[in-house]
Amino acid sequence: ELFVDGIELANGYHELLDAEEFHQRNLKTNALRQLDDRPALPVDSY
């Protein structure tokens, strides 16, 4: 991440390529969202 004067400006990744790992991370994130009383979001995607 890029910071200037204590302010976050940018977020960067060497991108994840593994589709199965992508799926598992989404499932985990959805579980955390539901713990926060947030709706789960669609896992299947283009």
All heavy atoms as atom14 arrays in JSON, in Angstrom:
{
  "sequence": "ELFVDGIELANGYHELLDAEEFHQRNLKTNALRQLDDRPALPVDSY",
  "atom14_mask": [
    [1, 1, 1, 1, 1, 1, 1, 1, 1, 0, 0, 0, 0, 0],
    [1, 1, 1, 1, 1, 1, 1, 1, 0, 0, 0, 0, 0, 0],
    [1, 1, 1, 1, 1, 1, 1, 1, 1, 1, 1, 0, 0, 0],
    [1, 1, 1, 1, 1, 1, 1, 0, 0, 0, 0, 0, 0, 0],
    [1, 1, 1, 1, 1, 1, 1, 1, 0, 0, 0, 0, 0, 0],
    [1, 1, 1, 1, 0, 0, 0, 0, 0, 0, 0, 0, 0, 0],
    [1, 1, 1, 1, 1, 1, 1, 1, 0, 0, 0, 0, 0, 0],
    [1, 1, 1, 1, 1, 1, 1, 1, 1, 0, 0, 0, 0, 0],
    [1, 1, 1, 1, 1, 1, 1, 1, 0, 0, 0, 0, 0, 0],
    [1, 1, 1, 1, 1, 0, 0, 0, 0, 0, 0, 0, 0, 0],
    [1, 1, 1, 1, 1, 1, 1, 1, 0, 0, 0, 0, 0, 0],
    [1, 1, 1, 1, 0, 0, 0, 0, 0, 0, 0, 0, 0, 0],
    [1, 1, 1, 1, 1, 1, 1, 1, 1, 1, 1, 1, 0, 0],
    [1, 1, 1, 1, 1, 1, 1, 1, 1, 1, 0, 0, 0, 0],
    [1, 1, 1, 1, 1, 1, 1, 1, 1, 0, 0, 0, 0, 0],
    [1, 1, 1, 1, 1, 1, 1, 1, 0, 0, 0, 0, 0, 0],
    [1, 1, 1, 1, 1, 1, 1, 1, 0, 0, 0, 0, 0, 0],
    [1, 1, 1, 1, 1, 1, 1, 1, 0, 0, 0, 0, 0, 0],
    [1, 1, 1, 1, 1, 0, 0, 0, 0, 0, 0, 0, 0, 0],
    [1, 1, 1, 1, 1, 1, 1, 1, 1, 0, 0, 0, 0, 0],
    [1, 1, 1, 1, 1, 1, 1, 1, 1, 0, 0, 0, 0, 0],
    [1, 1, 1, 1, 1, 1, 1, 1, 1, 1, 1, 0, 0, 0],
    [1, 1, 1, 1, 1, 1, 1, 1, 1, 1, 0, 0, 0, 0],
    [1, 1, 1, 1, 1, 1, 1, 1, 1, 0, 0, 0, 0, 0],
    [1, 1, 1, 1, 1, 1, 1, 1, 1, 1, 1, 0, 0, 0],
    [1, 1, 1, 1, 1, 1, 1, 1, 0, 0, 0, 0, 0, 0],
    [1, 1, 1, 1, 1, 1, 1, 1, 0, 0, 0, 0, 0, 0],
    [1, 1, 1, 1, 1, 1, 1, 1, 1, 0, 0, 0, 0, 0],
    [1, 1, 1, 1, 1, 1, 1, 0, 0, 0, 0, 0, 0, 0],
    [1, 1, 1, 1, 1, 1, 1, 1, 0, 0, 0, 0, 0, 0],
    [1, 1, 1, 1, 1, 0, 0, 0, 0, 0, 0, 0, 0, 0],
    [1, 1, 1, 1, 1, 1, 1, 1, 0, 0, 0, 0, 0, 0],
    [1, 1, 1, 1, 1, 1, 1, 1, 1, 1, 1, 0, 0, 0],
    [1, 1, 1, 1, 1, 1, 1, 1, 1, 0, 0, 0, 0, 0],
    [1, 1, 1, 1, 1, 1, 1, 1, 0, 0, 0, 0, 0, 0],
    [1, 1, 1, 1, 1, 1, 1, 1, 0, 0, 0, 0, 0, 0],
    [1, 1, 1, 1, 1, 1, 1, 1, 0, 0, 0, 0, 0, 0],
    [1, 1, 1, 1, 1, 1, 1, 1, 1, 1, 1, 0, 0, 0],
    [1, 1, 1, 1, 1, 1, 1, 0, 0, 0, 0, 0, 0, 0],
    [1, 1, 1, 1, 1, 0, 0, 0, 0, 0, 0, 0, 0, 0],
    [1, 1, 1, 1, 1, 1, 1, 1, 0, 0, 0, 0, 0, 0],
    [1, 1, 1, 1, 1, 1, 1, 0, 0, 0, 0, 0, 0, 0],
    [1, 1, 1, 1, 1, 1, 1, 0, 0, 0, 0, 0, 0, 0],
    [1, 1, 1, 1, 1, 1, 1, 1, 0, 0, 0, 0, 0, 0],
    [1, 1, 1, 1, 1, 1, 0, 0, 0, 0, 0, 0, 0, 0],
    [1, 1, 1, 1, 1, 1, 1, 1, 1, 1, 1, 1, 0, 0]
  ],
  "atom14_positions": [
    [[0.84, -1.2, 0.0], [0.0, 0.0, 0.0], [0.88, 1.24, 0.0], [1.96, 1.26, 0.59], [-0.93, 0.02, 1.21], [-2.03, -1.03, 1.16], [-3.08, -0.86, 2.24], [-2.69, -0.73, 3.41], [-4.27, -0.87, 1.92], [0.0, 0.0, 0.0], [0.0, 0.0, 0.0], [0.0, 0.0, 0.0], [0.0, 0.0, 0.0], [0.0, 0.0, 0.0]],
    [[0.38, 2.29, -0.65], [1.07, 3.58, -0.71], [0.43, 4.54, 0.28], [-0.79, 4.72, 0.29], [0.98, 4.16, -2.12], [1.47, 5.61, -2.3], [2.97, 5.72, -2.08], [1.08, 6.14, -3.68], [0.0, 0.0, 0.0], [0.0, 0.0, 0.0], [0.0, 0.0, 0.0], [0.0, 0.0, 0.0], [0.0, 0.0, 0.0], [0.0, 0.0, 0.0]],
    [[1.28, 5.2, 1.1], [0.84, 6.2, 2.05], [1.57, 7.52, 1.8], [2.78, 7.52, 1.55], [1.1, 5.74, 3.49], [0.29, 4.54, 3.9], [0.77, 3.25, 3.67], [-0.94, 4.68, 4.52], [0.03, 2.14, 4.04], [-1.68, 3.57, 4.89], [-1.2, 2.31, 4.65], [0.0, 0.0, 0.0], [0.0, 0.0, 0.0], [0.0, 0.0, 0.0]],
    [[0.83, 8.6, 1.88], [1.41, 9.94, 1.79], [0.78, 10.79, 2.89], [-0.45, 10.87, 2.99], [1.17, 10.59, 0.41], [1.74, 12.01, 0.38], [1.78, 9.75, -0.7], [0.0, 0.0, 0.0], [0.0, 0.0, 0.0], [0.0, 0.0, 0.0], [0.0, 0.0, 0.0], [0.0, 0.0, 0.0], [0.0, 0.0, 0.0], [0.0, 0.0, 0.0]],
    [[1.63, 11.39, 3.72], [1.14, 12.21, 4.84], [0.16, 11.46, 5.72], [-0.84, 12.01, 6.2], [0.51, 13.51, 4.33], [1.54, 14.5, 3.82], [2.73, 14.35, 4.16], [1.15, 15.42, 3.07], [0.0, 0.0, 0.0], [0.0, 0.0, 0.0], [0.0, 0.0, 0.0], [0.0, 0.0, 0.0], [0.0, 0.0, 0.0], [0.0, 0.0, 0.0]],
    [[0.42, 10.17, 5.93], [-0.44, 9.35, 6.78], [-1.74, 8.93, 6.14], [-2.59, 8.33, 6.81], [0.0, 0.0, 0.0], [0.0, 0.0, 0.0], [0.0, 0.0, 0.0], [0.0, 0.0, 0.0], [0.0, 0.0, 0.0], [0.0, 0.0, 0.0], [0.0, 0.0, 0.0], [0.0, 0.0, 0.0], [0.0, 0.0, 0.0], [0.0, 0.0, 0.0]],
    [[-1.92, 9.2, 4.86], [-3.16, 8.88, 4.15], [-2.9, 7.74, 3.18], [-1.94, 7.78, 2.39], [-3.69, 10.11, 3.4], [-4.07, 11.21, 4.39], [-4.89, 9.74, 2.52], [-4.39, 12.54, 3.73], [0.0, 0.0, 0.0], [0.0, 0.0, 0.0], [0.0, 0.0, 0.0], [0.0, 0.0, 0.0], [0.0, 0.0, 0.0], [0.0, 0.0, 0.0]],
    [[-3.75, 6.71, 3.21], [-3.62, 5.61, 2.27], [-4.1, 6.07, 0.9], [-5.22, 6.55, 0.74], [-4.45, 4.41, 2.72], [-4.39, 3.23, 1.75], [-5.56, 2.29, 1.88], [-6.24, 2.31, 2.92], [-5.83, 1.56, 0.9], [0.0, 0.0, 0.0], [0.0, 0.0, 0.0], [0.0, 0.0, 0.0], [0.0, 0.0, 0.0], [0.0, 0.0, 0.0]],
    [[-3.24, 5.91, -0.13], [-3.59, 6.32, -1.48], [-3.84, 5.15, -2.41], [-4.66, 5.26, -3.33], [-2.47, 7.18, -2.08], [-2.4, 8.65, -1.72], [-1.37, 9.35, -2.6], [-3.75, 9.32, -1.9], [0.0, 0.0, 0.0], [0.0, 0.0, 0.0], [0.0, 0.0, 0.0], [0.0, 0.0, 0.0], [0.0, 0.0, 0.0], [0.0, 0.0, 0.0]],
    [[-3.12, 4.05, -2.23], [-3.21, 2.97, -3.2], [-2.98, 1.63, -2.53], [-2.29, 1.53, -1.51], [-2.19, 3.17, -4.33], [0.0, 0.0, 0.0], [0.0, 0.0, 0.0], [0.0, 0.0, 0.0], [0.0, 0.0, 0.0], [0.0, 0.0, 0.0], [0.0, 0.0, 0.0], [0.0, 0.0, 0.0], [0.0, 0.0, 0.0], [0.0, 0.0, 0.0]],
    [[-3.55, 0.59, -3.14], [-3.43, -0.78, -2.66], [-3.03, -1.64, -3.85], [-3.67, -1.56, -4.91], [-4.77, -1.24, -2.07], [-4.68, -2.55, -1.33], [-3.61, -3.03, -1.0], [-5.82, -3.15, -1.06], [0.0, 0.0, 0.0], [0.0, 0.0, 0.0], [0.0, 0.0, 0.0], [0.0, 0.0, 0.0], [0.0, 0.0, 0.0], [0.0, 0.0, 0.0]],
    [[-1.97, -2.44, -3.7], [-1.48, -3.23, -4.82], [-1.23, -4.68, -4.46], [-0.93, -5.01, -3.31], [0.0, 0.0, 0.0], [0.0, 0.0, 0.0], [0.0, 0.0, 0.0], [0.0, 0.0, 0.0], [0.0, 0.0, 0.0], [0.0, 0.0, 0.0], [0.0, 0.0, 0.0], [0.0, 0.0, 0.0], [0.0, 0.0, 0.0], [0.0, 0.0, 0.0]],
    [[-1.38, -5.56, -5.47], [-1.16, -6.99, -5.29], [-0.32, -7.56, -6.43], [-0.44, -7.11, -7.58], [-2.49, -7.78, -5.32], [-3.58, -7.34, -4.41], [-4.92, -7.4, -4.83], [-3.34, -6.87, -3.13], [-5.96, -7.02, -4.02], [-4.37, -6.49, -2.3], [-5.69, -6.56, -2.75], [-6.73, -6.19, -1.95], [0.0, 0.0, 0.0], [0.0, 0.0, 0.0]],
    [[0.5, -8.54, -6.11], [0.9, -9.52, -7.11], [-0.26, -10.5, -7.11], [-0.47, -11.22, -6.15], [2.22, -10.19, -6.73], [2.86, -10.91, -7.88], [4.21, -11.06, -8.0], [2.33, -11.53, -8.98], [4.49, -11.75, -9.1], [3.37, -12.03, -9.71], [0.0, 0.0, 0.0], [0.0, 0.0, 0.0], [0.0, 0.0, 0.0], [0.0, 0.0, 0.0]],
    [[-1.02, -10.53, -8.17], [-2.37, -11.07, -8.15], [-2.43, -12.58, -7.95], [-1.63, -13.34, -8.51], [-3.11, -10.7, -9.44], [-3.26, -9.22, -9.68], [-4.21, -8.54, -8.68], [-5.01, -9.26, -8.04], [-4.16, -7.3, -8.57], [0.0, 0.0, 0.0], [0.0, 0.0, 0.0], [0.0, 0.0, 0.0], [0.0, 0.0, 0.0], [0.0, 0.0, 0.0]],
    [[-3.41, -12.99, -7.16], [-3.74, -14.4, -6.99], [-4.23, -14.96, -8.32], [-5.07, -14.35, -8.99], [-4.81, -14.54, -5.91], [-5.34, -15.96, -5.65], [-4.27, -16.8, -4.96], [-6.61, -15.9, -4.78], [0.0, 0.0, 0.0], [0.0, 0.0, 0.0], [0.0, 0.0, 0.0], [0.0, 0.0, 0.0], [0.0, 0.0, 0.0], [0.0, 0.0, 0.0]],
    [[-3.74, -16.15, -8.7], [-4.12, -16.78, -9.96], [-4.93, -18.05, -9.77], [-5.61, -18.5, -10.69], [-2.87, -17.1, -10.79], [-1.9, -15.95, -11.07], [-0.71, -16.47, -11.88], [-2.59, -14.81, -11.81], [0.0, 0.0, 0.0], [0.0, 0.0, 0.0], [0.0, 0.0, 0.0], [0.0, 0.0, 0.0], [0.0, 0.0, 0.0], [0.0, 0.0, 0.0]],
    [[-4.87, -18.63, -8.59], [-5.46, -19.93, -8.3], [-6.97, -19.8, -8.08], [-7.42, -19.21, -7.09], [-4.79, -20.53, -7.06], [-5.19, -21.98, -6.81], [-6.38, -22.31, -6.95], [-4.3, -22.78, -6.44], [0.0, 0.0, 0.0], [0.0, 0.0, 0.0], [0.0, 0.0, 0.0], [0.0, 0.0, 0.0], [0.0, 0.0, 0.0], [0.0, 0.0, 0.0]],
    [[-7.77, -20.36, -8.97], [-9.23, -20.24, -8.88], [-9.78, -20.91, -7.63], [-10.73, -20.4, -7.01], [-9.88, -20.84, -10.14], [0.0, 0.0, 0.0], [0.0, 0.0, 0.0], [0.0, 0.0, 0.0], [0.0, 0.0, 0.0], [0.0, 0.0, 0.0], [0.0, 0.0, 0.0], [0.0, 0.0, 0.0], [0.0, 0.0, 0.0], [0.0, 0.0, 0.0]],
    [[-9.24, -22.04, -7.23], [-9.73, -22.73, -6.04], [-9.41, -21.93, -4.77], [-10.24, -21.82, -3.87], [-9.13, -24.14, -5.95], [-9.58, -24.94, -4.73], [-11.1, -25.11, -4.64], [-11.78, -25.13, -5.7], [-11.62, -25.19, -3.51], [0.0, 0.0, 0.0], [0.0, 0.0, 0.0], [0.0, 0.0, 0.0], [0.0, 0.0, 0.0], [0.0, 0.0, 0.0]],
    [[-8.22, -21.38, -4.7], [-7.86, -20.54, -3.56], [-8.75, -19.3, -3.51], [-9.18, -18.87, -2.45], [-6.39, -20.13, -3.66], [-5.91, -19.18, -2.56], [-5.93, -19.77, -1.17], [-5.97, -21.01, -1.05], [-5.95, -18.98, -0.19], [0.0, 0.0, 0.0], [0.0, 0.0, 0.0], [0.0, 0.0, 0.0], [0.0, 0.0, 0.0], [0.0, 0.0, 0.0]],
    [[-9.04, -18.74, -4.68], [-9.96, -17.61, -4.79], [-11.33, -17.98, -4.21], [-11.92, -17.22, -3.44], [-10.07, -17.2, -6.26], [-11.06, -16.1, -6.56], [-10.93, -14.85, -5.98], [-12.11, -16.33, -7.45], [-11.84, -13.84, -6.28], [-13.02, -15.33, -7.73], [-12.89, -14.09, -7.15], [0.0, 0.0, 0.0], [0.0, 0.0, 0.0], [0.0, 0.0, 0.0]],
    [[-11.82, -19.15, -4.56], [-13.11, -19.63, -4.06], [-13.09, -19.77, -2.54], [-14.02, -19.33, -1.86], [-13.44, -20.97, -4.73], [-14.73, -21.58, -4.28], [-15.97, -21.11, -4.69], [-14.98, -22.63, -3.44], [-16.92, -21.84, -4.14], [-16.35, -22.76, -3.37], [0.0, 0.0, 0.0], [0.0, 0.0, 0.0], [0.0, 0.0, 0.0], [0.0, 0.0, 0.0]],
    [[-12.04, -20.38, -2.0], [-11.95, -20.6, -0.56], [-11.86, -19.27, 0.2], [-12.47, -19.12, 1.27], [-10.74, -21.49, -0.24], [-10.87, -22.92, -0.74], [-12.09, -23.63, -0.18], [-12.43, -23.48, 0.99], [-12.76, -24.41, -1.03], [0.0, 0.0, 0.0], [0.0, 0.0, 0.0], [0.0, 0.0, 0.0], [0.0, 0.0, 0.0], [0.0, 0.0, 0.0]],
    [[-11.11, -18.31, -0.32], [-11.01, -17.01, 0.34], [-12.36, -16.3, 0.36], [-12.74, -15.66, 1.34], [-9.96, -16.14, -0.34], [-8.53, -16.62, -0.14], [-7.54, -15.6, -0.66], [-6.19, -16.13, -0.73], [-5.11, -15.44, -1.11], [-5.26, -14.16, -1.46], [-3.92, -15.99, -1.17], [0.0, 0.0, 0.0], [0.0, 0.0, 0.0], [0.0, 0.0, 0.0]],
    [[-13.11, -16.43, -0.74], [-14.43, -15.81, -0.8], [-15.38, -16.43, 0.23], [-16.17, -15.72, 0.86], [-15.01, -15.93, -2.2], [-14.43, -14.93, -3.17], [-13.9, -13.89, -2.76], [-14.51, -15.21, -4.45], [0.0, 0.0, 0.0], [0.0, 0.0, 0.0], [0.0, 0.0, 0.0], [0.0, 0.0, 0.0], [0.0, 0.0, 0.0], [0.0, 0.0, 0.0]],
    [[-15.33, -17.75, 0.37], [-16.16, -18.42, 1.36], [-15.83, -17.93, 2.77], [-16.73, -17.66, 3.58], [-15.99, -19.94, 1.27], [-16.52, -20.63, 0.01], [-16.2, -22.12, 0.07], [-18.02, -20.42, -0.14], [0.0, 0.0, 0.0], [0.0, 0.0, 0.0], [0.0, 0.0, 0.0], [0.0, 0.0, 0.0], [0.0, 0.0, 0.0], [0.0, 0.0, 0.0]],
    [[-14.54, -17.83, 3.06], [-14.11, -17.35, 4.37], [-14.56, -15.92, 4.62], [-15.05, -15.57, 5.7], [-12.59, -17.46, 4.5], [-12.05, -17.01, 5.86], [-10.53, -17.13, 5.92], [-10.0, -16.64, 7.27], [-8.51, -16.77, 7.32], [0.0, 0.0, 0.0], [0.0, 0.0, 0.0], [0.0, 0.0, 0.0], [0.0, 0.0, 0.0], [0.0, 0.0, 0.0]],
    [[-14.4, -15.07, 3.61], [-14.79, -13.66, 3.75], [-16.3, -13.53, 3.96], [-16.76, -12.73, 4.77], [-14.35, -12.85, 2.52], [-12.93, -12.98, 2.36], [-14.69, -11.39, 2.68], [0.0, 0.0, 0.0], [0.0, 0.0, 0.0], [0.0, 0.0, 0.0], [0.0, 0.0, 0.0], [0.0, 0.0, 0.0], [0.0, 0.0, 0.0], [0.0, 0.0, 0.0]],
    [[-17.07, -14.32, 3.23], [-18.52, -14.3, 3.41], [-18.9, -14.71, 4.83], [-19.84, -14.14, 5.42], [-19.2, -15.2, 2.39], [-19.67, -14.45, 1.16], [-19.9, -13.24, 1.2], [-19.84, -15.17, 0.07], [0.0, 0.0, 0.0], [0.0, 0.0, 0.0], [0.0, 0.0, 0.0], [0.0, 0.0, 0.0], [0.0, 0.0, 0.0], [0.0, 0.0, 0.0]],
    [[-18.2, -15.7, 5.39], [-18.47, -16.12, 6.76], [-18.21, -14.98, 7.74], [-18.98, -14.75, 8.68], [-17.62, -17.34, 7.11], [0.0, 0.0, 0.0], [0.0, 0.0, 0.0], [0.0, 0.0, 0.0], [0.0, 0.0, 0.0], [0.0, 0.0, 0.0], [0.0, 0.0, 0.0], [0.0, 0.0, 0.0], [0.0, 0.0, 0.0], [0.0, 0.0, 0.0]],
    [[-17.12, -14.24, 7.52], [-16.81, -13.09, 8.37], [-17.85, -11.98, 8.21], [-18.23, -11.33, 9.18], [-15.41, -12.56, 8.05], [-14.24, -13.49, 8.4], [-12.94, -12.94, 7.84], [-14.14, -13.66, 9.91], [0.0, 0.0, 0.0], [0.0, 0.0, 0.0], [0.0, 0.0, 0.0], [0.0, 0.0, 0.0], [0.0, 0.0, 0.0], [0.0, 0.0, 0.0]],
    [[-18.32, -11.77, 6.98], [-19.37, -10.76, 6.75], [-20.63, -11.11, 7.52], [-21.27, -10.24, 8.11], [-19.68, -10.66, 5.25], [-18.61, -9.96, 4.42], [-19.02, -9.88, 2.94], [-20.28, -9.19, 2.75], [-20.4, -7.86, 2.66], [-19.31, -7.11, 2.71], [-21.59, -7.3, 2.48], [0.0, 0.0, 0.0], [0.0, 0.0, 0.0], [0.0, 0.0, 0.0]],
    [[-20.98, -12.38, 7.55], [-22.18, -12.79, 8.26], [-22.02, -12.65, 9.77], [-22.98, -12.35, 10.47], [-22.56, -14.21, 7.85], [-23.05, -14.28, 6.39], [-23.38, -15.66, 5.91], [-22.55, -16.55, 5.86], [-24.65, -15.87, 5.58], [0.0, 0.0, 0.0], [0.0, 0.0, 0.0], [0.0, 0.0, 0.0], [0.0, 0.0, 0.0], [0.0, 0.0, 0.0]],
    [[-20.78, -12.85, 10.27], [-20.52, -12.57, 11.68], [-20.73, -11.1, 12.0], [-21.1, -10.75, 13.12], [-19.09, -12.98, 12.05], [-18.8, -14.48, 12.18], [-17.31, -14.69, 12.45], [-19.63, -15.1, 13.31], [0.0, 0.0, 0.0], [0.0, 0.0, 0.0], [0.0, 0.0, 0.0], [0.0, 0.0, 0.0], [0.0, 0.0, 0.0], [0.0, 0.0, 0.0]],
    [[-20.49, -10.22, 11.0], [-20.7, -8.79, 11.17], [-22.13, -8.37, 10.86], [-22.43, -7.18, 10.76], [-19.75, -8.01, 10.25], [-18.28, -8.23, 10.58], [-17.97, -8.6, 11.73], [-17.43, -8.04, 9.68], [0.0, 0.0, 0.0], [0.0, 0.0, 0.0], [0.0, 0.0, 0.0], [0.0, 0.0, 0.0], [0.0, 0.0, 0.0], [0.0, 0.0, 0.0]],
    [[-23.03, -9.36, 10.67], [-24.42, -9.1, 10.3], [-24.53, -8.43, 8.93], [-25.41, -7.6, 8.68], [-25.14, -8.27, 11.36], [-25.3, -9.02, 12.68], [-25.54, -10.23, 12.64], [-25.19, -8.38, 13.75], [0.0, 0.0, 0.0], [0.0, 0.0, 0.0], [0.0, 0.0, 0.0], [0.0, 0.0, 0.0], [0.0, 0.0, 0.0], [0.0, 0.0, 0.0]],
    [[-23.61, -8.8, 8.03], [-23.64, -8.34, 6.65], [-24.06, -9.5, 5.76], [-23.75, -10.66, 6.04], [-22.25, -7.85, 6.21], [-21.71, -6.67, 7.01], [-22.42, -5.4, 6.63], [-21.86, -4.23, 7.31], [-22.33, -3.02, 7.2], [-23.36, -2.79, 6.4], [-21.77, -2.03, 7.86], [0.0, 0.0, 0.0], [0.0, 0.0, 0.0], [0.0, 0.0, 0.0]],
    [[-24.76, -9.21, 4.66], [-25.19, -10.29, 3.78], [-24.01, -10.92, 3.04], [-23.04, -10.24, 2.69], [-26.14, -9.59, 2.8], [-25.69, -8.16, 2.79], [-25.23, -7.88, 4.19], [0.0, 0.0, 0.0], [0.0, 0.0, 0.0], [0.0, 0.0, 0.0], [0.0, 0.0, 0.0], [0.0, 0.0, 0.0], [0.0, 0.0, 0.0], [0.0, 0.0, 0.0]],
    [[-24.09, -12.23, 2.83], [-23.1, -12.89, 1.99], [-23.26, -12.4, 0.56], [-24.35, -12.05, 0.11], [-23.28, -14.4, 2.05], [0.0, 0.0, 0.0], [0.0, 0.0, 0.0], [0.0, 0.0, 0.0], [0.0, 0.0, 0.0], [0.0, 0.0, 0.0], [0.0, 0.0, 0.0], [0.0, 0.0, 0.0], [0.0, 0.0, 0.0], [0.0, 0.0, 0.0]],
    [[-22.15, -12.35, -0.18], [-22.14, -11.89, -1.56], [-21.92, -13.07, -2.49], [-21.36, -14.1, -2.08], [-21.05, -10.83, -1.74], [-21.24, -9.55, -0.92], [-20.0, -8.66, -0.99], [-22.46, -8.77, -1.4], [0.0, 0.0, 0.0], [0.0, 0.0, 0.0], [0.0, 0.0, 0.0], [0.0, 0.0, 0.0], [0.0, 0.0, 0.0], [0.0, 0.0, 0.0]],
    [[-22.34, -12.98, -3.75], [-22.26, -14.13, -4.66], [-20.83, -14.58, -4.9], [-19.97, -13.78, -5.27], [-22.93, -13.61, -5.93], [-22.95, -12.13, -5.82], [-22.99, -11.8, -4.38], [0.0, 0.0, 0.0], [0.0, 0.0, 0.0], [0.0, 0.0, 0.0], [0.0, 0.0, 0.0], [0.0, 0.0, 0.0], [0.0, 0.0, 0.0], [0.0, 0.0, 0.0]],
    [[-20.6, -15.88, -4.69], [-19.26, -16.46, -4.85], [-18.98, -16.78, -6.32], [-17.87, -16.57, -6.81], [-19.12, -17.71, -3.97], [-17.8, -18.43, -4.27], [-19.19, -17.34, -2.49], [0.0, 0.0, 0.0], [0.0, 0.0, 0.0], [0.0, 0.0, 0.0], [0.0, 0.0, 0.0], [0.0, 0.0, 0.0], [0.0, 0.0, 0.0], [0.0, 0.0, 0.0]],
    [[-19.97, -17.3, -7.02], [-19.79, -17.6, -8.45], [-19.72, -16.29, -9.23], [-20.51, -15.38, -9.0], [-20.94, -18.46, -8.96], [-20.96, -19.84, -8.32], [-19.87, -20.36, -7.99], [-22.07, -20.4, -8.14], [0.0, 0.0, 0.0], [0.0, 0.0, 0.0], [0.0, 0.0, 0.0], [0.0, 0.0, 0.0], [0.0, 0.0, 0.0], [0.0, 0.0, 0.0]],
    [[-18.76, -16.21, -10.14], [-18.56, -14.96, -10.86], [-17.9, -15.21, -12.21], [-17.31, -16.27, -12.45], [-17.68, -14.01, -10.03], [-16.38, -14.57, -9.86], [0.0, 0.0, 0.0], [0.0, 0.0, 0.0], [0.0, 0.0, 0.0], [0.0, 0.0, 0.0], [0.0, 0.0, 0.0], [0.0, 0.0, 0.0], [0.0, 0.0, 0.0], [0.0, 0.0, 0.0]],
    [[-17.99, -14.22, -13.07], [-17.25, -14.28, -14.33], [-15.75, -14.33, -14.08], [-15.01, -14.95, -14.84], [-17.58, -13.06, -15.19], [-18.98, -13.05, -15.77], [-19.87, -12.03, -15.46], [-19.38, -14.04, -16.65], [-21.14, -12.0, -16.01], [-20.66, -14.02, -17.21], [-21.53, -12.99, -16.87], [-22.8, -12.97, -17.41], [0.0, 0.0, 0.0], [0.0, 0.0, 0.0]]
  ]
}
